[in-house]
């Protein structure tokens, strides 16, 4: 069986089901970040690694500064998904010898720009030659308070589903310049009880079913309510991927208060109710059309 036949989720399931856990590991692989015990009382440590690959996440014509920004912003967005605070980063740069010094310097300019924006210190890393495409891998560590962390598995039937920002159109260049919702996630978990949350990296059509499965519930999506990027269709909002907005579930009794408070705190960023979680059911196959690795 090939990876194309298997798919990303099944591959990870087979690989990670055997991964042993050791003392201090609160949550291993399977969510947006791993969680381990933190030396400071009342905290969990978060760890995340992510990569961008030339030909998959960017092209040879993509501005190197933007590639650097995206490489750092992707794992930072996963910290936002769990309401965490990123602190330190390691950068692994794997590039062919034919890449110019100018390209690498611009790439690092983008890495450092994103790191500075989110108060992350780049503390080391690794470089390697390759005969294949360029790969930039980022490992980030940080923390989240034990009473504020959010995973994918806490959603409850009848919870309302919200998304930040607008969806669709990532291929027009938005996937290189998105802003991880760290500030918004920290505000949400300070003022509200968020039951489940994740960032939309692979598209609503893939990520919403993932959140529902992790929570052991079904979902109902109001496609007509989806907040669309200008010129985008509902299909693009569901399937384009790389929106990096927050998708989260909250009790219905808090929905109206949330919307009112959000408008005051983030007047320039839309927050939209797009549906609800329901009793477990088989999701509409037409919704499962986001991005899936190896497919």
C-alpha atoms as a PDB file:
ATOM      1  CA  UNK A   1       0.000   0.000   0.000  1.00  0.00           C
ATOM      2  CA  UNK A   2       1.315   3.457  -0.908  1.00  0.00           C
ATOM      3  CA  UNK A   3       1.056   6.641   1.164  1.00  0.00           C
ATOM      4  CA  UNK A   4      -1.322   7.959  -1.483  1.00  0.00           C
ATOM      5  CA  UNK A   5      -3.682   5.060  -0.849  1.00  0.00           C
ATOM      6  CA  UNK A   6      -3.333   5.307   2.926  1.00  0.00           C
ATOM      7  CA  UNK A   7      -3.688   9.056   3.547  1.00  0.00           C
ATOM      8  CA  UNK A   8      -2.131  11.252   6.229  1.00  0.00           C
ATOM      9  CA  UNK A   9      -4.507  10.550   9.123  1.00  0.00           C
ATOM     10  CA  UNK A  10      -4.238   6.762   8.790  1.00  0.00           C
ATOM     11  CA  UNK A  11      -0.452   6.960   8.373  1.00  0.00           C
ATOM     12  CA  UNK A  12      -0.101   8.960  11.601  1.00  0.00           C
ATOM     13  CA  UNK A  13      -2.464   6.596  13.382  1.00  0.00           C
ATOM     14  CA  UNK A  14      -0.306   3.603  12.475  1.00  0.00           C
ATOM     15  CA  UNK A  15       2.999   5.300  13.265  1.00  0.00           C
ATOM     16  CA  UNK A  16       2.046   7.023  16.499  1.00  0.00           C
ATOM     17  CA  UNK A  17      -0.029   4.289  18.097  1.00  0.00           C
ATOM     18  CA  UNK A  18       3.247   2.600  19.064  1.00  0.00           C
ATOM     19  CA  UNK A  19       4.992   5.728  20.312  1.00  0.00           C
ATOM     20  CA  UNK A  20       5.774   5.194  24.005  1.00  0.00           C
ATOM     21  CA  UNK A  21       4.990   7.927  26.503  1.00  0.00           C
ATOM     22  CA  UNK A  22       7.245   8.748  29.411  1.00  0.00           C
ATOM     23  CA  UNK A  23       6.687  10.446  32.723  1.00  0.00           C
ATOM     24  CA  UNK A  24       5.836  14.104  32.291  1.00  0.00           C
ATOM     25  CA  UNK A  25       3.970  13.696  28.999  1.00  0.00           C
ATOM     26  CA  UNK A  26       0.425  15.010  29.440  1.00  0.00           C
ATOM     27  CA  UNK A  27      -0.642  14.692  25.799  1.00  0.00           C
ATOM     28  CA  UNK A  28       1.429  13.202  23.012  1.00  0.00           C
ATOM     29  CA  UNK A  29       0.954  13.301  19.260  1.00  0.00           C
ATOM     30  CA  UNK A  30      -2.526  13.734  17.801  1.00  0.00           C
ATOM     31  CA  UNK A  31      -3.481  17.316  18.612  1.00  0.00           C
ATOM     32  CA  UNK A  32      -2.053  20.661  17.453  1.00  0.00           C
ATOM     33  CA  UNK A  33       0.755  20.633  20.051  1.00  0.00           C
ATOM     34  CA  UNK A  34       2.117  18.081  22.472  1.00  0.00           C
ATOM     35  CA  UNK A  35       1.833  18.929  26.179  1.00  0.00           C
ATOM     36  CA  UNK A  36       4.415  18.064  28.821  1.00  0.00           C
ATOM     37  CA  UNK A  37       4.843  18.992  32.460  1.00  0.00           C
ATOM     38  CA  UNK A  38       6.312  22.465  32.957  1.00  0.00           C
ATOM     39  CA  UNK A  39       8.698  23.449  35.755  1.00  0.00           C
ATOM     40  CA  UNK A  40       6.471  26.378  36.728  1.00  0.00           C
ATOM     41  CA  UNK A  41       3.443  25.494  38.868  1.00  0.00           C
ATOM     42  CA  UNK A  42       0.117  25.702  37.074  1.00  0.00           C
ATOM     43  CA  UNK A  43       1.644  25.461  33.597  1.00  0.00           C
ATOM     44  CA  UNK A  44       1.981  22.899  30.824  1.00  0.00           C
ATOM     45  CA  UNK A  45       4.856  23.003  28.382  1.00  0.00           C
ATOM     46  CA  UNK A  46       3.914  22.924  24.697  1.00  0.00           C
ATOM     47  CA  UNK A  47       6.066  21.573  21.875  1.00  0.00           C
ATOM     48  CA  UNK A  48       5.399  21.744  18.154  1.00  0.00           C
ATOM     49  CA  UNK A  49       7.357  21.067  14.983  1.00  0.00           C
ATOM     50  CA  UNK A  50       6.230  21.975  11.480  1.00  0.00           C
ATOM     51  CA  UNK A  51       7.794  22.322   8.060  1.00  0.00           C
ATOM     52  CA  UNK A  52       7.320  23.906   4.661  1.00  0.00           C
ATOM     53  CA  UNK A  53       8.460  22.081   1.514  1.00  0.00           C
ATOM     54  CA  UNK A  54       9.237  23.684  -1.823  1.00  0.00           C
ATOM     55  CA  UNK A  55       6.698  22.529  -4.377  1.00  0.00           C
ATOM     56  CA  UNK A  56       4.112  21.762  -1.678  1.00  0.00           C
ATOM     57  CA  UNK A  57       3.841  24.809   0.609  1.00  0.00           C
ATOM     58  CA  UNK A  58       5.589  27.357  -1.617  1.00  0.00           C
ATOM     59  CA  UNK A  59       7.027  27.588  -5.120  1.00  0.00           C
ATOM     60  CA  UNK A  60      10.439  28.534  -6.433  1.00  0.00           C
ATOM     61  CA  UNK A  61       8.930  31.923  -7.342  1.00  0.00           C
ATOM     62  CA  UNK A  62       7.538  32.631  -3.869  1.00  0.00           C
ATOM     63  CA  UNK A  63       9.285  35.581  -2.164  1.00  0.00           C
ATOM     64  CA  UNK A  64      11.864  34.153   0.240  1.00  0.00           C
ATOM     65  CA  UNK A  65      10.865  36.603   2.991  1.00  0.00           C
ATOM     66  CA  UNK A  66       7.270  35.360   2.757  1.00  0.00           C
ATOM     67  CA  UNK A  67       8.428  31.736   2.839  1.00  0.00           C
ATOM     68  CA  UNK A  68      10.321  32.484   6.057  1.00  0.00           C
ATOM     69  CA  UNK A  69       7.297  34.166   7.599  1.00  0.00           C
ATOM     70  CA  UNK A  70       5.089  31.188   6.733  1.00  0.00           C
ATOM     71  CA  UNK A  71       7.589  28.649   8.047  1.00  0.00           C
ATOM     72  CA  UNK A  72       7.612  30.311  11.483  1.00  0.00           C
ATOM     73  CA  UNK A  73       3.927  31.256  11.519  1.00  0.00           C
ATOM     74  CA  UNK A  74       2.679  27.701  10.929  1.00  0.00           C
ATOM     75  CA  UNK A  75       3.806  26.252  14.286  1.00  0.00           C
ATOM     76  CA  UNK A  76       2.904  29.502  16.024  1.00  0.00           C
ATOM     77  CA  UNK A  77      -0.631  29.075  14.672  1.00  0.00           C
ATOM     78  CA  UNK A  78      -0.763  25.660  16.355  1.00  0.00           C
ATOM     79  CA  UNK A  79       0.071  27.372  19.641  1.00  0.00           C
ATOM     80  CA  UNK A  80      -2.884  29.674  19.029  1.00  0.00           C
ATOM     81  CA  UNK A  81      -5.050  26.584  18.513  1.00  0.00           C
ATOM     82  CA  UNK A  82      -4.319  25.553  22.118  1.00  0.00           C
ATOM     83  CA  UNK A  83      -4.262  29.105  23.536  1.00  0.00           C
ATOM     84  CA  UNK A  84      -0.541  28.727  24.227  1.00  0.00           C
ATOM     85  CA  UNK A  85       2.355  31.176  24.313  1.00  0.00           C
ATOM     86  CA  UNK A  86       5.325  30.334  22.031  1.00  0.00           C
ATOM     87  CA  UNK A  87       8.754  31.177  23.426  1.00  0.00           C
ATOM     88  CA  UNK A  88      11.695  29.470  21.703  1.00  0.00           C
ATOM     89  CA  UNK A  89      12.323  28.116  18.210  1.00  0.00           C
ATOM     90  CA  UNK A  90      14.836  25.845  16.490  1.00  0.00           C
ATOM     91  CA  UNK A  91      15.242  26.152  12.723  1.00  0.00           C
ATOM     92  CA  UNK A  92      16.307  23.260  10.502  1.00  0.00           C
ATOM     93  CA  UNK A  93      17.203  24.415   6.998  1.00  0.00           C
ATOM     94  CA  UNK A  94      17.578  21.732   4.309  1.00  0.00           C
ATOM     95  CA  UNK A  95      18.436  23.281   0.947  1.00  0.00           C
ATOM     96  CA  UNK A  96      20.214  22.345  -2.285  1.00  0.00           C
ATOM     97  CA  UNK A  97      23.652  23.827  -2.822  1.00  0.00           C
ATOM     98  CA  UNK A  98      22.312  25.752  -5.797  1.00  0.00           C
ATOM     99  CA  UNK A  99      20.232  28.069  -3.613  1.00  0.00           C
ATOM    100  CA  UNK A 100      21.761  31.529  -3.451  1.00  0.00           C
ATOM    101  CA  UNK A 101      23.007  33.191  -0.287  1.00  0.00           C
ATOM    102  CA  UNK A 102      20.644  36.074  -1.011  1.00  0.00           C
ATOM    103  CA  UNK A 103      17.652  33.679  -0.976  1.00  0.00           C
ATOM    104  CA  UNK A 104      18.686  32.191   2.369  1.00  0.00           C
ATOM    105  CA  UNK A 105      19.271  35.622   3.927  1.00  0.00           C
ATOM    106  CA  UNK A 106      15.835  36.789   2.806  1.00  0.00           C
ATOM    107  CA  UNK A 107      14.331  33.574   4.139  1.00  0.00           C
ATOM    108  CA  UNK A 108      15.863  34.238   7.550  1.00  0.00           C
ATOM    109  CA  UNK A 109      14.646  37.821   7.411  1.00  0.00           C
ATOM    110  CA  UNK A 110      11.129  36.429   7.160  1.00  0.00           C
ATOM    111  CA  UNK A 111      11.756  33.910   9.943  1.00  0.00           C
ATOM    112  CA  UNK A 112      13.078  36.621  12.236  1.00  0.00           C
ATOM    113  CA  UNK A 113      10.244  39.009  11.349  1.00  0.00           C
ATOM    114  CA  UNK A 114       7.626  36.437  12.376  1.00  0.00           C
ATOM    115  CA  UNK A 115       9.582  35.418  15.465  1.00  0.00           C
ATOM    116  CA  UNK A 116       9.875  39.047  16.608  1.00  0.00           C
ATOM    117  CA  UNK A 117       6.168  39.678  15.972  1.00  0.00           C
ATOM    118  CA  UNK A 118       5.193  36.832  18.307  1.00  0.00           C
ATOM    119  CA  UNK A 119       8.012  37.327  20.848  1.00  0.00           C
ATOM    120  CA  UNK A 120       9.728  34.063  19.933  1.00  0.00           C
ATOM    121  CA  UNK A 121      13.501  33.667  20.298  1.00  0.00           C
ATOM    122  CA  UNK A 122      15.303  31.632  17.617  1.00  0.00           C
ATOM    123  CA  UNK A 123      17.848  29.758  19.735  1.00  0.00           C
ATOM    124  CA  UNK A 124      19.495  27.384  17.275  1.00  0.00           C
ATOM    125  CA  UNK A 125      18.865  24.730  14.683  1.00  0.00           C
ATOM    126  CA  UNK A 126      20.551  22.759  11.920  1.00  0.00           C
ATOM    127  CA  UNK A 127      21.428  23.065   8.238  1.00  0.00           C
ATOM    128  CA  UNK A 128      21.868  20.351   5.634  1.00  0.00           C
ATOM    129  CA  UNK A 129      22.418  19.959   1.922  1.00  0.00           C
ATOM    130  CA  UNK A 130      19.916  18.051  -0.225  1.00  0.00           C
ATOM    131  CA  UNK A 131      19.505  16.990  -3.823  1.00  0.00           C
ATOM    132  CA  UNK A 132      15.761  17.528  -3.543  1.00  0.00           C
ATOM    133  CA  UNK A 133      13.552  20.560  -2.866  1.00  0.00           C
ATOM    134  CA  UNK A 134      14.214  23.053  -0.079  1.00  0.00           C
ATOM    135  CA  UNK A 135      12.693  22.214   3.322  1.00  0.00           C
ATOM    136  CA  UNK A 136      12.447  24.498   6.343  1.00  0.00           C
ATOM    137  CA  UNK A 137      11.485  22.783   9.588  1.00  0.00           C
ATOM    138  CA  UNK A 138      10.686  24.769  12.743  1.00  0.00           C
ATOM    139  CA  UNK A 139      10.442  23.410  16.278  1.00  0.00           C
ATOM    140  CA  UNK A 140       8.779  25.706  18.824  1.00  0.00           C
ATOM    141  CA  UNK A 141       8.417  25.346  22.582  1.00  0.00           C
ATOM    142  CA  UNK A 142       6.322  27.401  24.960  1.00  0.00           C
ATOM    143  CA  UNK A 143       3.673  27.090  27.636  1.00  0.00           C
ATOM    144  CA  UNK A 144      -0.009  27.285  28.446  1.00  0.00           C
ATOM    145  CA  UNK A 145      -1.756  27.601  31.780  1.00  0.00           C
ATOM    146  CA  UNK A 146      -3.388  24.383  32.967  1.00  0.00           C
ATOM    147  CA  UNK A 147      -6.728  26.148  33.382  1.00  0.00           C
ATOM    148  CA  UNK A 148      -6.637  27.732  29.898  1.00  0.00           C
ATOM    149  CA  UNK A 149      -5.368  25.118  27.456  1.00  0.00           C
ATOM    150  CA  UNK A 150      -7.802  23.921  24.800  1.00  0.00           C
ATOM    151  CA  UNK A 151      -7.596  20.779  22.661  1.00  0.00           C
ATOM    152  CA  UNK A 152      -9.809  19.303  19.974  1.00  0.00           C
ATOM    153  CA  UNK A 153     -11.547  16.733  22.135  1.00  0.00           C
ATOM    154  CA  UNK A 154     -13.710  18.776  24.499  1.00  0.00           C
ATOM    155  CA  UNK A 155     -16.579  19.641  22.177  1.00  0.00           C
ATOM    156  CA  UNK A 156     -20.111  18.789  23.317  1.00  0.00           C
ATOM    157  CA  UNK A 157     -23.314  18.187  21.397  1.00  0.00           C
ATOM    158  CA  UNK A 158     -25.246  21.489  21.039  1.00  0.00           C
ATOM    159  CA  UNK A 159     -22.073  23.592  21.268  1.00  0.00           C
ATOM    160  CA  UNK A 160     -21.997  26.455  18.772  1.00  0.00           C
ATOM    161  CA  UNK A 161     -19.188  26.545  16.206  1.00  0.00           C
ATOM    162  CA  UNK A 162     -17.377  29.786  15.418  1.00  0.00           C
ATOM    163  CA  UNK A 163     -14.560  30.787  13.075  1.00  0.00           C
ATOM    164  CA  UNK A 164     -12.407  33.897  13.096  1.00  0.00           C
ATOM    165  CA  UNK A 165     -11.663  35.930   9.984  1.00  0.00           C
ATOM    166  CA  UNK A 166     -12.665  34.938   6.460  1.00  0.00           C
ATOM    167  CA  UNK A 167     -12.148  31.701   4.557  1.00  0.00           C
ATOM    168  CA  UNK A 168     -10.996  30.725   1.062  1.00  0.00           C
ATOM    169  CA  UNK A 169      -8.581  32.143  -1.485  1.00  0.00           C
ATOM    170  CA  UNK A 170      -5.349  31.041   0.175  1.00  0.00           C
ATOM    171  CA  UNK A 171      -3.771  30.195  -3.199  1.00  0.00           C
ATOM    172  CA  UNK A 172      -3.883  33.875  -4.129  1.00  0.00           C
ATOM    173  CA  UNK A 173      -1.003  34.447  -1.711  1.00  0.00           C
ATOM    174  CA  UNK A 174      -2.773  34.588   1.659  1.00  0.00           C
ATOM    175  CA  UNK A 175      -1.070  31.334   2.666  1.00  0.00           C
ATOM    176  CA  UNK A 176       2.239  33.223   2.734  1.00  0.00           C
ATOM    177  CA  UNK A 177       1.115  36.200   4.819  1.00  0.00           C
ATOM    178  CA  UNK A 178      -1.442  35.015   7.380  1.00  0.00           C
ATOM    179  CA  UNK A 179      -1.273  36.131  11.009  1.00  0.00           C
ATOM    180  CA  UNK A 180      -1.628  33.406  13.675  1.00  0.00           C
ATOM    181  CA  UNK A 181      -4.442  34.232  16.113  1.00  0.00           C
ATOM    182  CA  UNK A 182      -2.372  34.107  19.304  1.00  0.00           C
ATOM    183  CA  UNK A 183      -3.829  37.299  20.746  1.00  0.00           C
ATOM    184  CA  UNK A 184      -7.381  36.250  19.950  1.00  0.00           C
ATOM    185  CA  UNK A 185      -6.956  32.773  21.440  1.00  0.00           C
ATOM    186  CA  UNK A 186      -5.479  34.148  24.635  1.00  0.00           C
ATOM    187  CA  UNK A 187      -8.374  36.600  24.959  1.00  0.00           C
ATOM    188  CA  UNK A 188     -10.950  33.877  24.301  1.00  0.00           C
ATOM    189  CA  UNK A 189      -9.640  31.554  26.994  1.00  0.00           C
ATOM    190  CA  UNK A 190      -9.300  34.384  29.508  1.00  0.00           C
ATOM    191  CA  UNK A 191     -12.934  35.454  29.200  1.00  0.00           C
ATOM    192  CA  UNK A 192     -14.825  32.342  28.054  1.00  0.00           C
ATOM    193  CA  UNK A 193     -14.900  28.580  28.494  1.00  0.00           C
ATOM    194  CA  UNK A 194     -13.837  27.249  25.086  1.00  0.00           C
ATOM    195  CA  UNK A 195     -14.641  23.542  24.827  1.00  0.00           C
ATOM    196  CA  UNK A 196     -12.604  22.644  21.708  1.00  0.00           C
ATOM    197  CA  UNK A 197     -10.424  24.570  19.286  1.00  0.00           C
ATOM    198  CA  UNK A 198      -8.019  24.120  16.373  1.00  0.00           C
ATOM    199  CA  UNK A 199      -6.521  26.178  13.574  1.00  0.00           C
ATOM    200  CA  UNK A 200      -7.748  25.720  10.009  1.00  0.00           C
ATOM    201  CA  UNK A 201      -4.601  24.605   8.206  1.00  0.00           C
ATOM    202  CA  UNK A 202      -6.040  21.895   5.949  1.00  0.00           C
ATOM    203  CA  UNK A 203      -9.396  23.515   5.259  1.00  0.00           C
ATOM    204  CA  UNK A 204     -12.744  23.498   7.024  1.00  0.00           C
ATOM    205  CA  UNK A 205     -13.817  20.399   5.083  1.00  0.00           C
ATOM    206  CA  UNK A 206     -11.001  18.384   6.662  1.00  0.00           C
ATOM    207  CA  UNK A 207     -10.471  20.122  10.006  1.00  0.00           C
ATOM    208  CA  UNK A 208     -14.086  20.379  11.201  1.00  0.00           C
ATOM    209  CA  UNK A 209     -14.606  16.591  10.901  1.00  0.00           C
ATOM    210  CA  UNK A 210     -11.303  16.113  12.756  1.00  0.00           C
ATOM    211  CA  UNK A 211     -12.504  18.248  15.657  1.00  0.00           C
ATOM    212  CA  UNK A 212     -15.852  16.437  15.720  1.00  0.00           C
ATOM    213  CA  UNK A 213     -14.204  12.999  15.672  1.00  0.00           C
ATOM    214  CA  UNK A 214     -11.805  13.966  18.465  1.00  0.00           C
ATOM    215  CA  UNK A 215     -14.772  15.154  20.547  1.00  0.00           C
ATOM    216  CA  UNK A 216     -16.882  12.085  19.750  1.00  0.00           C
ATOM    217  CA  UNK A 217     -19.719  14.134  18.258  1.00  0.00           C
ATOM    218  CA  UNK A 218     -21.226  15.026  14.912  1.00  0.00           C
ATOM    219  CA  UNK A 219     -21.670  18.470  13.377  1.00  0.00           C
ATOM    220  CA  UNK A 220     -24.077  20.604  11.407  1.00  0.00           C
ATOM    221  CA  UNK A 221     -22.523  23.214   9.121  1.00  0.00           C
ATOM    222  CA  UNK A 222     -24.463  26.246   7.869  1.00  0.00           C
ATOM    223  CA  UNK A 223     -22.685  26.780   4.560  1.00  0.00           C
ATOM    224  CA  UNK A 224     -24.644  29.971   3.855  1.00  0.00           C
ATOM    225  CA  UNK A 225     -23.133  31.557   6.969  1.00  0.00           C
ATOM    226  CA  UNK A 226     -19.493  30.974   6.034  1.00  0.00           C
ATOM    227  CA  UNK A 227     -17.448  34.211   6.035  1.00  0.00           C
ATOM    228  CA  UNK A 228     -15.938  34.302   2.538  1.00  0.00           C
ATOM    229  CA  UNK A 229     -12.870  36.099   1.287  1.00  0.00           C
ATOM    230  CA  UNK A 230     -13.785  38.499  -1.505  1.00  0.00           C
ATOM    231  CA  UNK A 231     -14.338  36.639  -4.760  1.00  0.00           C
ATOM    232  CA  UNK A 232     -14.403  33.190  -3.129  1.00  0.00           C
ATOM    233  CA  UNK A 233     -17.108  30.553  -3.335  1.00  0.00           C
ATOM    234  CA  UNK A 234     -18.476  28.393  -0.528  1.00  0.00           C
ATOM    235  CA  UNK A 235     -16.591  25.445  -2.022  1.00  0.00           C
ATOM    236  CA  UNK A 236     -13.315  27.363  -1.836  1.00  0.00           C
ATOM    237  CA  UNK A 237     -14.024  28.386   1.772  1.00  0.00           C
ATOM    238  CA  UNK A 238     -14.476  24.728   2.671  1.00  0.00           C
ATOM    239  CA  UNK A 239     -11.706  23.155   0.638  1.00  0.00           C
ATOM    240  CA  UNK A 240      -8.886  25.606  -0.169  1.00  0.00           C
ATOM    241  CA  UNK A 241      -7.110  25.167   3.159  1.00  0.00           C
ATOM    242  CA  UNK A 242      -4.308  27.207   4.731  1.00  0.00           C
ATOM    243  CA  UNK A 243      -6.662  29.789   6.221  1.00  0.00           C
ATOM    244  CA  UNK A 244      -5.009  29.473   9.664  1.00  0.00           C
ATOM    245  CA  UNK A 245      -8.091  30.927  11.335  1.00  0.00           C
ATOM    246  CA  UNK A 246      -9.442  29.559  14.609  1.00  0.00           C
ATOM    247  CA  UNK A 247     -12.319  27.088  14.647  1.00  0.00           C
ATOM    248  CA  UNK A 248     -13.785  26.598  18.113  1.00  0.00           C
ATOM    249  CA  UNK A 249     -16.770  25.244  20.016  1.00  0.00           C
ATOM    250  CA  UNK A 250     -18.471  27.058  22.868  1.00  0.00           C
ATOM    251  CA  UNK A 251     -21.658  26.536  24.851  1.00  0.00           C
ATOM    252  CA  UNK A 252     -24.705  28.003  23.138  1.00  0.00           C
ATOM    253  CA  UNK A 253     -25.583  29.996  26.243  1.00  0.00           C
ATOM    254  CA  UNK A 254     -22.351  31.982  25.825  1.00  0.00           C
ATOM    255  CA  UNK A 255     -22.688  32.634  22.095  1.00  0.00           C
ATOM    256  CA  UNK A 256     -24.423  36.033  22.119  1.00  0.00           C
ATOM    257  CA  UNK A 257     -22.224  37.412  24.898  1.00  0.00           C
ATOM    258  CA  UNK A 258     -19.164  36.237  22.996  1.00  0.00           C
ATOM    259  CA  UNK A 259     -20.230  37.957  19.781  1.00  0.00           C
ATOM    260  CA  UNK A 260     -20.939  41.221  21.584  1.00  0.00           C
ATOM    261  CA  UNK A 261     -17.646  41.181  23.481  1.00  0.00           C
ATOM    262  CA  UNK A 262     -15.690  40.185  20.385  1.00  0.00           C
ATOM    263  CA  UNK A 263     -16.968  43.141  18.363  1.00  0.00           C
ATOM    264  CA  UNK A 264     -15.718  45.504  21.061  1.00  0.00           C
ATOM    265  CA  UNK A 265     -12.303  43.836  21.427  1.00  0.00           C
ATOM    266  CA  UNK A 266     -11.579  42.965  17.770  1.00  0.00           C
ATOM    267  CA  UNK A 267     -13.687  45.327  15.639  1.00  0.00           C
ATOM    268  CA  UNK A 268     -11.671  44.688  12.468  1.00  0.00           C
ATOM    269  CA  UNK A 269     -11.711  40.880  12.631  1.00  0.00           C
ATOM    270  CA  UNK A 270     -14.970  39.049  11.895  1.00  0.00           C
ATOM    271  CA  UNK A 271     -16.224  36.296  14.173  1.00  0.00           C
ATOM    272  CA  UNK A 272     -18.893  34.094  12.627  1.00  0.00           C
ATOM    273  CA  UNK A 273     -21.178  31.359  13.923  1.00  0.00           C
ATOM    274  CA  UNK A 274     -21.075  28.650  11.257  1.00  0.00           C
ATOM    275  CA  UNK A 275     -22.997  25.771  12.816  1.00  0.00           C
ATOM    276  CA  UNK A 276     -23.154  23.516  15.818  1.00  0.00           C
ATOM    277  CA  UNK A 277     -21.932  20.217  17.170  1.00  0.00           C
ATOM    278  CA  UNK A 278     -24.506  17.453  17.320  1.00  0.00           C
ATOM    279  CA  UNK A 279     -24.973  13.904  18.464  1.00  0.00           C
ATOM    280  CA  UNK A 280     -22.538  11.479  16.763  1.00  0.00           C
ATOM    281  CA  UNK A 281     -23.417  10.869  13.133  1.00  0.00           C
ATOM    282  CA  UNK A 282     -21.838  10.133   9.783  1.00  0.00           C
ATOM    283  CA  UNK A 283     -20.763  13.479   8.287  1.00  0.00           C
ATOM    284  CA  UNK A 284     -21.855  14.437   4.802  1.00  0.00           C
ATOM    285  CA  UNK A 285     -19.105  13.085   2.472  1.00  0.00           C
ATOM    286  CA  UNK A 286     -19.371  16.300   0.465  1.00  0.00           C
ATOM    287  CA  UNK A 287     -17.889  18.182   3.406  1.00  0.00           C
ATOM    288  CA  UNK A 288     -14.727  16.103   3.451  1.00  0.00           C
ATOM    289  CA  UNK A 289     -12.914  17.964   0.738  1.00  0.00           C
ATOM    290  CA  UNK A 290     -10.136  19.898   2.394  1.00  0.00           C
ATOM    291  CA  UNK A 291      -6.419  19.219   1.906  1.00  0.00           C
ATOM    292  CA  UNK A 292      -5.066  15.796   2.913  1.00  0.00           C
ATOM    293  CA  UNK A 293      -1.351  14.954   2.656  1.00  0.00           C
ATOM    294  CA  UNK A 294      -0.403  12.018   0.378  1.00  0.00           C
ATOM    295  CA  UNK A 295      -3.758  12.144  -1.405  1.00  0.00           C
END
